[in-house]
Amino acid sequence: METSLPNLLGHLGYILIAIGMLLLVHQKALGWLLRLAGEVLWAVIGFMMGMSSLWFWAICFVCLDAYGYISWRKKQQSTTKPV
């Protein structure tokens, strides 16, 4: 098994993304943070390896996660407002 830094970071990134997805299934806000951290790790790996496809798509997914979190929070806040 390859034990280079990018490889170790890649495993950590995917673990964070997977746990984040599981938390989102259970509607836990921490899921967004873990997914964001995992995607940031993939962007770092892409920069380290000089692979634009890795860092570009990682940044795209960071933006999608940020949008998802903001939309999720707005929906949460609108359902908890007193009438």
Protein backbone atom coordinates (compact mmCIF):
# COMPACT_ATOMS: atom_id res chain seq x y z
CA MET A 1 0.00 0.00 0.00
CA GLU A 2 1.25 3.42 -0.93
CA THR A 3 1.88 5.58 2.14
CA SER A 4 2.72 8.89 0.53
CA LEU A 5 1.23 12.06 2.03
CA PRO A 6 -1.26 12.64 -0.82
CA ASN A 7 -2.45 9.05 -0.50
CA LEU A 8 -2.95 9.33 3.26
CA LEU A 9 -4.72 12.68 2.86
CA GLY A 10 -6.92 11.13 0.17
CA HIS A 11 -8.06 8.37 2.50
CA LEU A 12 -8.71 10.89 5.27
CA GLY A 13 -10.62 13.13 2.85
CA TYR A 14 -12.88 10.31 1.71
CA ILE A 15 -13.46 9.16 5.30
CA LEU A 16 -14.55 12.70 6.22
CA ILE A 17 -16.83 12.92 3.18
CA ALA A 18 -18.40 9.51 3.89
CA ILE A 19 -19.02 10.26 7.57
CA GLY A 20 -20.37 13.67 6.59
CA MET A 21 -22.82 12.06 4.17
CA LEU A 22 -23.99 9.63 6.85
CA LEU A 23 -24.55 12.51 9.26
CA LEU A 24 -26.52 14.42 6.63
CA VAL A 25 -28.79 11.43 6.19
CA HIS A 26 -29.58 11.84 9.88
CA GLN A 27 -30.00 15.62 9.43
CA LYS A 28 -26.96 16.55 11.52
CA ALA A 29 -25.32 19.88 10.66
CA LEU A 30 -21.85 18.48 11.44
CA GLY A 31 -22.16 16.51 8.21
CA TRP A 32 -21.72 19.69 6.18
CA LEU A 33 -18.53 20.58 8.02
CA LEU A 34 -17.04 17.12 7.55
CA ARG A 35 -17.88 17.08 3.85
CA LEU A 36 -16.34 20.54 3.48
CA ALA A 37 -13.16 19.42 5.27
CA GLY A 38 -12.90 16.33 3.07
CA GLU A 39 -13.28 18.34 -0.11
CA VAL A 40 -10.70 20.90 1.06
CA LEU A 41 -8.28 18.00 1.61
CA TRP A 42 -8.89 16.87 -1.97
CA ALA A 43 -8.20 20.39 -3.23
CA VAL A 44 -4.91 20.37 -1.31
CA ILE A 45 -4.01 16.99 -2.82
CA GLY A 46 -4.79 18.33 -6.29
CA PHE A 47 -2.50 21.32 -5.75
CA MET A 48 0.25 19.09 -4.29
CA MET A 49 0.09 16.77 -7.29
CA GLY A 50 -0.39 19.51 -9.87
CA MET A 51 -3.67 17.95 -11.00
CA SER A 52 -6.15 20.62 -11.96
CA SER A 53 -8.95 18.06 -12.27
CA LEU A 54 -8.64 17.25 -8.56
CA TRP A 55 -8.45 20.76 -7.19
CA PHE A 56 -10.99 22.20 -9.64
CA TRP A 57 -13.69 19.65 -8.83
CA ALA A 58 -12.90 19.75 -5.12
CA ILE A 59 -13.49 23.51 -5.18
CA CYS A 60 -16.74 22.96 -7.12
CA PHE A 61 -17.92 20.50 -4.46
CA VAL A 62 -16.91 22.91 -1.68
CA CYS A 63 -19.13 25.51 -3.33
CA LEU A 64 -21.99 23.01 -3.67
CA ASP A 65 -21.60 21.99 -0.02
CA ALA A 66 -21.62 25.64 1.06
CA TYR A 67 -24.76 26.26 -1.00
CA GLY A 68 -26.36 23.11 0.42
CA TYR A 69 -25.55 24.15 3.97
CA ILE A 70 -26.91 27.67 3.50
CA SER A 71 -30.11 26.32 1.91
CA TRP A 72 -30.46 23.72 4.65
CA ARG A 73 -30.04 26.35 7.39
CA LYS A 74 -32.61 28.66 5.78
CA LYS A 75 -35.08 25.78 5.58
CA GLN A 76 -34.35 24.82 9.21
CA GLN A 77 -34.83 28.41 10.39
CA SER A 78 -38.05 28.89 8.45
CA THR A 79 -39.59 25.77 10.00
CA THR A 80 -38.66 26.73 13.56
CA LYS A 81 -40.04 30.30 13.54
CA PRO A 82 -42.96 30.83 15.90
CA VAL A 83 -46.26 31.76 14.30
